[in-house]
Amino acid sequence: MTATAAARVWLRAADAHVEELREVLQTRTDRADHPHADRVEQQVVVYDAAALTAAGTDPDERREVQAEIAYALSDGPGIVVVEGAFAPAVVDRVTAAFNRMISDQRAAGMAVGDHFAKPGANDRVWNALEKLAVIDPEAFVDYYANDVVALVSTAWLGPGYQVTSQVNVVNPGGEGQTVHRDYHLGFQSPQASARYPAHVHRLSAFLTLQGAVAHCDMPVESGPTLYLPHSQKYELGYLAYWHTEFQDYFVDHHIQLPLRKGDAVFFNPALFHAAGSNRSTDIKRMANLLQISSAFGRAMETVDRERTVRAIYPALLARKAAGWDEHALANVVAASAEGYSFPTNLDRDQPIGGMAPPTQAALVTQALAEGASPEQLAERLAAQSATKRSH
């Protein structure tokens, strides 16, 4: 393969330049591309929920609306806001349930952190979807009957999608995040992301829809999320956002829209964004973060990989003792062990020191390097599996 061919397949962080991002951002959001929108504000397409759902009652028009939203998320600004997406009374009941979860976590001594804030600095509820279903099933049903969520999710992912959610509360004085992209590749280090070919960088954004529901009024001083419209179109973005010059550019050029309780934001996970700092003195800024996944992000067969690894580990130890090189051993681990950190229970399996917790494959590789016994590996695998169970 020539160097030119390799450059088409593999992306390098060294090739990321702010000038190229700036050129991508010269595109402006065209109101004419979004005839069902209420307006375009700071390059963001803004819809009125009542008008959107009314248009969605006719099957043909619903497809037109969804095509418009899909275009906005991919080739447009990468973000849409739906004002009044959730009824305030429905939001209030779910907020009460979320606050109970947070109180229970505190009472249990759980200092729950996220990928950016230190544990205890703000409040985070992982797997809020399942917890809400258990703690208040009536509220769950009323909340997720929402047709805006269904309309936008199907527009981006098609049918069969899976909803997960995390509650994030940034308390008064809480610091914001640094700019980033989201799941999948957005949760990988730049070194890990560089191992994936360019077409996977393009694919990653089409596997997930990011959303956020405002559970209180969010004036700018409370720190609603910062966005860089159209930045999802920058191919090197998963490698670039770690660079200081890109972070500085984001600080200088982001937009920030205030939200009202019940408003919803949906955005392409490749969009450059960051939660803002809460400069208010009395607003506990609560959002329900929706992470909606494609049905296609799953294998065809169910494989018990823990059982598989336990079975082959003695043979791996024997091959290592016989002089097999690390490359051959790594190939076997890749074929047998789970090489991805997710899905997991982020209450117990927290991504300390990075965006993603250790994988099963990393655990097996470490055990091989140490010469751990099969019994020791079995204990480690069982402990890791326990952290991943949802309850």
Protein backbone atom coordinates (compact mmCIF):
# COMPACT_ATOMS: atom_id res chain seq x y z
CA MET A 1 0.00 0.00 0.00
CA THR A 2 1.39 3.40 -0.92
CA ALA A 3 1.76 6.21 1.59
CA THR A 4 -1.02 8.04 -0.25
CA ALA A 5 -3.38 5.10 0.10
CA ALA A 6 -2.52 4.72 3.79
CA ALA A 7 -3.27 8.41 4.35
CA ARG A 8 -6.77 7.88 2.95
CA VAL A 9 -7.47 5.08 5.41
CA TRP A 10 -5.71 6.19 8.60
CA LEU A 11 -6.13 9.58 10.24
CA ARG A 12 -3.33 11.21 12.21
CA ALA A 13 -3.62 13.75 15.01
CA ALA A 14 -0.61 15.56 13.54
CA ASP A 15 -2.67 16.37 10.43
CA ALA A 16 -5.34 18.25 12.40
CA HIS A 17 -5.15 22.03 11.93
CA VAL A 18 -7.50 24.68 13.26
CA GLU A 19 -7.51 26.41 9.87
CA GLU A 20 -9.25 23.36 8.36
CA LEU A 21 -11.91 23.40 11.07
CA ARG A 22 -12.41 27.12 10.51
CA GLU A 23 -12.97 26.46 6.81
CA VAL A 24 -15.60 23.80 7.61
CA LEU A 25 -17.38 26.29 9.88
CA GLN A 26 -17.75 28.82 7.09
CA THR A 27 -20.97 27.01 6.18
CA ARG A 28 -24.01 28.84 7.50
CA THR A 29 -27.31 27.24 8.46
CA ASP A 30 -29.85 27.94 5.72
CA ARG A 31 -33.37 28.54 7.01
CA ALA A 32 -34.74 27.36 3.65
CA ASP A 33 -33.42 23.84 4.36
CA HIS A 34 -35.68 23.59 7.40
CA PRO A 35 -39.19 24.69 6.39
CA HIS A 36 -40.83 23.14 9.49
CA ALA A 37 -38.54 25.03 11.88
CA ASP A 38 -39.67 27.98 13.91
CA ARG A 39 -36.39 29.82 13.35
CA VAL A 40 -32.62 29.55 13.14
CA GLU A 41 -30.85 31.02 16.16
CA GLN A 42 -27.06 31.23 16.43
CA GLN A 43 -26.87 28.71 13.56
CA VAL A 44 -29.08 26.25 15.49
CA VAL A 45 -32.35 24.98 14.02
CA VAL A 46 -35.16 25.61 16.53
CA TYR A 47 -38.51 23.83 16.33
CA ASP A 48 -41.74 24.33 18.21
CA ALA A 49 -42.83 20.98 19.66
CA ALA A 50 -46.55 21.48 19.05
CA ALA A 51 -46.03 22.33 15.38
CA LEU A 52 -43.53 19.50 14.97
CA THR A 53 -45.77 16.80 16.42
CA ALA A 54 -48.82 18.15 14.56
CA ALA A 55 -46.91 17.83 11.29
CA GLY A 56 -45.89 14.33 12.36
CA THR A 57 -49.44 13.00 12.50
CA ASP A 58 -49.56 12.58 8.71
CA PRO A 59 -47.26 9.72 7.63
CA ASP A 60 -46.00 11.46 4.50
CA GLU A 61 -45.37 14.74 6.25
CA ARG A 62 -43.73 12.91 9.14
CA ARG A 63 -41.20 11.48 6.71
CA GLU A 64 -40.56 14.97 5.36
CA VAL A 65 -40.03 16.31 8.87
CA GLN A 66 -37.70 13.45 9.72
CA ALA A 67 -35.71 13.94 6.52
CA GLU A 68 -35.34 17.60 7.45
CA ILE A 69 -34.10 16.72 10.94
CA ALA A 70 -31.72 14.06 9.62
CA TYR A 71 -30.25 16.63 7.23
CA ALA A 72 -29.86 19.15 10.06
CA LEU A 73 -28.00 16.60 12.19
CA SER A 74 -25.70 15.40 9.41
CA ASP A 75 -25.15 18.08 6.74
CA GLY A 76 -26.61 21.03 8.62
CA PRO A 77 -25.49 22.50 11.94
CA GLY A 78 -25.51 19.12 13.68
CA ILE A 79 -27.97 20.26 16.33
CA VAL A 80 -31.71 20.94 16.72
CA VAL A 81 -33.65 22.38 19.64
CA VAL A 82 -37.29 21.49 20.21
CA GLU A 83 -38.97 24.01 22.47
CA GLY A 84 -41.70 22.68 24.73
CA ALA A 85 -40.89 19.06 23.92
CA PHE A 86 -42.02 17.84 27.36
CA ALA A 87 -44.96 19.05 29.43
CA PRO A 88 -43.69 20.83 32.59
CA ALA A 89 -45.89 18.72 34.87
CA VAL A 90 -44.42 15.51 33.44
CA VAL A 91 -40.91 16.90 33.82
CA ASP A 92 -41.58 17.93 37.43
CA ARG A 93 -42.69 14.45 38.44
CA VAL A 94 -39.61 12.87 36.87
CA THR A 95 -37.42 15.55 38.46
CA ALA A 96 -38.79 14.54 41.85
CA ALA A 97 -37.84 10.93 41.13
CA PHE A 98 -34.36 12.00 40.01
CA ASN A 99 -33.90 14.00 43.21
CA ARG A 100 -34.86 10.94 45.24
CA MET A 101 -32.19 8.95 43.40
CA ILE A 102 -29.60 11.63 44.16
CA SER A 103 -30.61 11.73 47.83
CA ASP A 104 -30.40 7.95 48.05
CA GLN A 105 -26.91 8.02 46.49
CA ARG A 106 -25.74 10.62 48.97
CA ALA A 107 -27.24 8.72 51.90
CA ALA A 108 -25.39 5.62 50.72
CA GLY A 109 -22.13 7.57 50.61
CA MET A 110 -21.83 7.35 46.86
CA ALA A 111 -19.75 10.18 45.39
CA VAL A 112 -20.80 9.65 41.79
CA GLY A 113 -18.60 11.27 39.18
CA ASP A 114 -18.73 11.64 35.43
CA HIS A 115 -16.10 11.83 32.72
CA PHE A 116 -15.09 15.38 33.65
CA ALA A 117 -16.18 16.53 37.11
CA LYS A 118 -14.56 15.22 40.26
CA PRO A 119 -16.74 12.80 42.24
CA GLY A 120 -19.03 14.80 44.51
CA ALA A 121 -18.54 18.13 42.72
CA ASN A 122 -21.81 17.82 40.86
CA ASP A 123 -24.53 15.17 40.88
CA ARG A 124 -24.80 12.37 38.36
CA VAL A 125 -27.24 9.46 38.13
CA TRP A 126 -26.09 6.69 35.83
CA ASN A 127 -28.65 4.39 34.19
CA ALA A 128 -31.43 6.79 35.10
CA LEU A 129 -33.73 5.11 32.59
CA GLU A 130 -33.87 1.79 34.45
CA LYS A 131 -33.89 3.47 37.85
CA LEU A 132 -36.82 5.69 36.87
CA ALA A 133 -38.78 2.67 35.63
CA VAL A 134 -38.32 0.99 39.01
CA ILE A 135 -38.82 3.99 41.28
CA ASP A 136 -41.84 5.52 39.47
CA PRO A 137 -43.17 3.44 36.55
CA GLU A 138 -46.13 5.78 36.01
CA ALA A 139 -43.83 8.75 35.57
CA PHE A 140 -41.62 6.69 33.26
CA VAL A 141 -44.57 5.85 31.00
CA ASP A 142 -45.76 9.45 30.79
CA TYR A 143 -42.24 10.74 30.14
CA TYR A 144 -41.15 8.29 27.44
CA ALA A 145 -44.48 8.38 25.63
CA ASN A 146 -43.03 11.58 24.20
CA ASP A 147 -43.37 11.66 20.41
CA VAL A 148 -40.61 14.22 19.89
CA VAL A 149 -38.07 11.70 21.17
CA ALA A 150 -39.50 8.98 18.92
CA LEU A 151 -39.66 11.25 15.88
CA VAL A 152 -36.08 12.51 16.15
CA SER A 153 -34.62 9.14 17.18
CA THR A 154 -36.20 7.37 14.22
CA ALA A 155 -35.09 10.16 11.90
CA TRP A 156 -31.46 9.62 12.86
CA LEU A 157 -31.30 5.91 13.71
CA GLY A 158 -34.32 4.23 12.17
CA PRO A 159 -36.45 1.74 14.16
CA GLY A 160 -35.25 -0.59 16.88
CA TYR A 161 -33.18 2.05 18.69
CA GLN A 162 -32.32 1.72 22.39
CA VAL A 163 -32.68 4.59 24.86
CA THR A 164 -30.38 5.11 27.83
CA SER A 165 -30.20 8.16 30.05
CA GLN A 166 -28.01 9.80 32.65
CA VAL A 167 -29.06 12.64 34.93
CA ASN A 168 -26.52 15.42 35.22
CA VAL A 169 -26.83 18.21 37.80
CA VAL A 170 -24.31 21.04 37.70
CA ASN A 171 -24.63 22.84 41.01
CA PRO A 172 -24.07 26.58 41.54
CA GLY A 173 -20.39 27.26 41.09
CA GLY A 174 -19.90 23.98 39.23
CA GLU A 175 -17.23 24.11 36.56
CA GLY A 176 -18.00 23.23 32.97
CA GLN A 177 -16.36 20.69 30.72
CA THR A 178 -13.64 20.95 28.15
CA VAL A 179 -14.70 20.57 24.52
CA HIS A 180 -15.21 17.01 23.35
CA ARG A 181 -17.12 14.68 21.09
CA ASP A 182 -19.32 11.87 22.36
CA TYR A 183 -19.77 8.12 22.24
CA HIS A 184 -18.43 5.98 20.53
CA LEU A 185 -15.06 7.32 19.39
CA GLY A 186 -15.49 10.42 21.52
CA PHE A 187 -15.01 8.23 24.59
CA GLN A 188 -11.70 6.88 23.34
CA SER A 189 -8.28 8.39 23.83
CA PRO A 190 -6.72 9.98 20.72
CA GLN A 191 -4.26 7.08 20.58
CA ALA A 192 -7.12 4.56 20.60
CA SER A 193 -9.14 6.57 18.06
CA ALA A 194 -6.18 6.69 15.67
CA ARG A 195 -6.24 2.88 15.49
CA TYR A 196 -9.64 3.00 13.79
CA PRO A 197 -9.72 3.67 10.02
CA ALA A 198 -11.20 6.87 8.64
CA HIS A 199 -14.47 5.25 7.58
CA VAL A 200 -15.07 4.20 11.21
CA HIS A 201 -14.56 7.82 12.26
CA ARG A 202 -17.34 8.73 9.83
CA LEU A 203 -19.51 5.82 10.95
CA SER A 204 -19.28 6.46 14.68
CA ALA A 205 -21.57 9.48 14.66
CA PHE A 206 -24.33 7.57 12.88
CA LEU A 207 -24.58 4.96 15.63
CA THR A 208 -25.77 7.29 18.39
CA LEU A 209 -28.06 10.26 18.92
CA GLN A 210 -27.27 12.59 21.79
CA GLY A 211 -30.08 14.44 23.51
CA ALA A 212 -30.75 16.48 26.62
CA VAL A 213 -34.03 17.41 28.29
CA ALA A 214 -34.00 20.54 30.43
CA HIS A 215 -35.44 19.78 33.86
CA CYS A 216 -35.34 23.43 34.93
CA ASP A 217 -35.07 26.80 33.27
CA MET A 218 -31.50 27.26 32.09
CA PRO A 219 -30.49 30.88 31.59
CA VAL A 220 -26.99 31.39 30.20
CA GLU A 221 -25.55 32.09 33.67
CA SER A 222 -26.53 28.58 34.74
CA GLY A 223 -24.23 27.13 32.08
CA PRO A 224 -26.32 25.35 29.44
CA THR A 225 -24.22 23.35 27.00
CA LEU A 226 -21.84 25.12 24.63
CA TYR A 227 -21.85 24.03 20.98
CA LEU A 228 -19.89 24.64 17.79
CA PRO A 229 -22.45 24.25 14.98
CA HIS A 230 -21.27 22.41 11.85
CA SER A 231 -18.16 21.05 13.61
CA GLN A 232 -19.43 17.46 13.24
CA LYS A 233 -18.34 17.66 9.59
CA TYR A 234 -14.64 17.95 10.45
CA GLU A 235 -13.28 14.48 9.77
CA LEU A 236 -10.29 14.72 12.10
CA GLY A 237 -12.42 15.94 15.00
CA TYR A 238 -12.06 12.85 17.22
CA LEU A 239 -8.30 13.35 17.19
CA ALA A 240 -8.34 17.15 17.12
CA TYR A 241 -10.44 18.11 20.12
CA TRP A 242 -7.69 17.02 22.51
CA HIS A 243 -5.35 19.68 21.09
CA THR A 244 -4.98 22.92 23.03
CA GLU A 245 -5.43 25.07 19.92
CA PHE A 246 -8.77 23.42 19.15
CA GLN A 247 -9.91 23.82 22.74
CA ASP A 248 -8.95 27.50 22.62
CA TYR A 249 -10.80 27.95 19.34
CA PHE A 250 -13.91 26.39 20.86
CA VAL A 251 -13.76 28.73 23.85
CA ASP A 252 -13.61 31.74 21.53
CA HIS A 253 -16.26 30.66 18.98
CA HIS A 254 -18.88 28.46 20.68
CA ILE A 255 -22.55 29.35 20.90
CA GLN A 256 -24.80 28.94 23.93
CA LEU A 257 -28.60 28.91 23.96
CA PRO A 258 -30.73 29.35 27.08
CA LEU A 259 -33.39 26.68 27.57
CA ARG A 260 -36.71 26.49 29.36
CA LYS A 261 -37.93 23.57 31.41
CA GLY A 262 -39.22 20.91 29.02
CA ASP A 263 -37.11 21.99 26.05
CA ALA A 264 -35.06 19.26 24.37
CA VAL A 265 -31.81 19.41 22.44
CA PHE A 266 -30.70 16.70 20.01
CA PHE A 267 -27.29 16.69 18.41
CA ASN A 268 -24.85 14.68 16.37
CA PRO A 269 -22.37 13.05 18.80
CA ALA A 270 -19.50 14.31 16.62
CA LEU A 271 -20.48 17.93 17.29
CA PHE A 272 -17.91 19.80 19.37
CA HIS A 273 -19.62 20.63 22.66
CA ALA A 274 -19.09 21.06 26.40
CA ALA A 275 -21.29 21.63 29.42
CA GLY A 276 -21.01 25.22 30.61
CA SER A 277 -19.96 26.50 34.03
CA ASN A 278 -22.80 27.32 36.40
CA ARG A 279 -22.18 30.93 37.46
CA SER A 280 -25.56 31.29 39.14
CA THR A 281 -25.97 31.32 42.91
CA ASP A 282 -29.20 29.35 43.17
CA ILE A 283 -29.83 27.23 40.06
CA LYS A 284 -29.15 23.50 40.24
CA ARG A 285 -28.97 22.92 36.51
CA MET A 286 -30.52 19.51 35.89
CA ALA A 287 -30.64 17.81 32.51
CA ASN A 288 -31.63 14.30 31.56
CA LEU A 289 -28.99 13.27 29.05
CA LEU A 290 -30.41 10.90 26.46
CA GLN A 291 -28.03 8.60 24.66
CA ILE A 292 -29.97 6.73 22.01
CA SER A 293 -28.22 3.90 20.19
CA SER A 294 -28.68 2.25 16.82
CA ALA A 295 -30.14 -1.24 16.71
CA PHE A 296 -27.14 -2.26 14.61
CA GLY A 297 -24.56 -1.82 17.36
CA ARG A 298 -24.83 -5.48 18.37
CA ALA A 299 -23.36 -8.82 17.31
CA MET A 300 -25.46 -11.55 15.64
CA GLU A 301 -24.81 -14.20 18.28
CA THR A 302 -24.79 -14.22 22.06
CA VAL A 303 -21.33 -15.25 23.28
CA ASP A 304 -20.36 -15.82 26.90
CA ARG A 305 -16.92 -14.26 26.58
CA GLU A 306 -16.03 -14.72 30.22
CA ARG A 307 -16.61 -18.47 29.86
CA THR A 308 -14.62 -18.47 26.61
CA VAL A 309 -11.66 -16.70 28.17
CA ARG A 310 -11.61 -18.93 31.22
CA ALA A 311 -11.55 -21.98 28.95
CA ILE A 312 -8.64 -20.87 26.78
CA TYR A 313 -6.48 -19.10 29.37
CA PRO A 314 -4.43 -22.17 30.37
CA ALA A 315 -3.62 -22.70 26.70
CA LEU A 316 -2.60 -19.04 26.39
CA LEU A 317 -0.28 -19.40 29.39
CA ALA A 318 1.24 -22.50 27.80
CA ARG A 319 1.81 -20.74 24.48
CA LYS A 320 3.42 -17.80 26.26
CA ALA A 321 5.73 -20.15 28.15
CA ALA A 322 6.59 -21.83 24.82
CA GLY A 323 7.81 -18.51 23.46
CA TRP A 324 4.87 -17.15 21.48
CA ASP A 325 5.28 -13.46 20.80
CA GLU A 326 2.91 -10.84 22.21
CA HIS A 327 1.35 -10.20 18.80
CA ALA A 328 0.07 -13.76 18.44
CA LEU A 329 -1.24 -13.79 22.00
CA ALA A 330 -2.98 -10.46 21.40
CA ASN A 331 -4.71 -11.88 18.32
CA VAL A 332 -6.22 -14.66 20.43
CA VAL A 333 -7.33 -12.22 23.12
CA ALA A 334 -8.98 -10.01 20.49
CA ALA A 335 -10.95 -12.98 19.13
CA SER A 336 -12.11 -14.20 22.53
CA ALA A 337 -12.34 -11.40 25.10
CA GLU A 338 -14.61 -8.34 25.11
CA GLY A 339 -12.49 -5.55 23.69
CA TYR A 340 -14.90 -2.71 24.39
CA SER A 341 -15.70 -1.04 27.71
CA PHE A 342 -19.41 -0.61 27.08
CA PRO A 343 -22.16 -1.26 27.97
CA THR A 344 -21.38 -1.22 31.67
CA ASN A 345 -22.73 -0.05 35.02
CA LEU A 346 -21.09 3.34 35.47
CA ASP A 347 -22.15 3.52 39.10
CA ARG A 348 -19.65 0.74 39.87
CA ASP A 349 -17.43 0.57 36.79
CA GLN A 350 -16.47 4.22 36.68
CA PRO A 351 -14.05 5.61 34.08
CA ILE A 352 -11.48 6.82 36.59
CA GLY A 353 -8.53 8.47 34.89
CA GLY A 354 -10.09 8.42 31.44
CA MET A 355 -13.26 8.33 29.39
CA ALA A 356 -13.75 4.56 29.50
CA PRO A 357 -13.20 1.87 32.16
CA PRO A 358 -10.82 -1.06 31.46
CA THR A 359 -12.00 -3.73 29.03
CA GLN A 360 -12.14 -7.47 29.62
CA ALA A 361 -9.41 -7.82 26.99
CA ALA A 362 -7.18 -5.45 28.95
CA LEU A 363 -7.75 -7.51 32.09
CA VAL A 364 -6.77 -10.73 30.29
CA THR A 365 -3.71 -9.08 28.71
CA GLN A 366 -2.57 -7.84 32.10
CA ALA A 367 -3.07 -11.28 33.65
CA LEU A 368 -0.97 -12.85 30.89
CA ALA A 369 1.77 -10.29 31.38
CA GLU A 370 1.84 -11.04 35.11
CA GLY A 371 1.61 -14.80 34.65
CA ALA A 372 -1.52 -14.87 36.82
CA SER A 373 -2.99 -18.29 37.47
CA PRO A 374 -6.29 -19.41 35.89
CA GLU A 375 -7.87 -19.14 39.33
CA GLN A 376 -6.65 -15.59 39.77
CA LEU A 377 -7.95 -14.61 36.33
CA ALA A 378 -11.32 -16.23 37.08
CA GLU A 379 -11.63 -14.12 40.24
CA ARG A 380 -10.78 -10.94 38.34
CA LEU A 381 -13.22 -11.75 35.54
CA ALA A 382 -16.00 -12.46 38.03
CA ALA A 383 -15.33 -9.20 39.86
CA GLN A 384 -15.38 -7.26 36.59
CA SER A 385 -18.61 -8.92 35.50
CA ALA A 386 -20.19 -8.01 38.83
CA THR A 387 -19.40 -4.33 38.28
CA LYS A 388 -21.15 -4.40 34.92
CA ARG A 389 -24.52 -5.74 36.11
CA SER A 390 -27.20 -3.07 36.18
CA HIS A 391 -28.25 -3.81 39.77
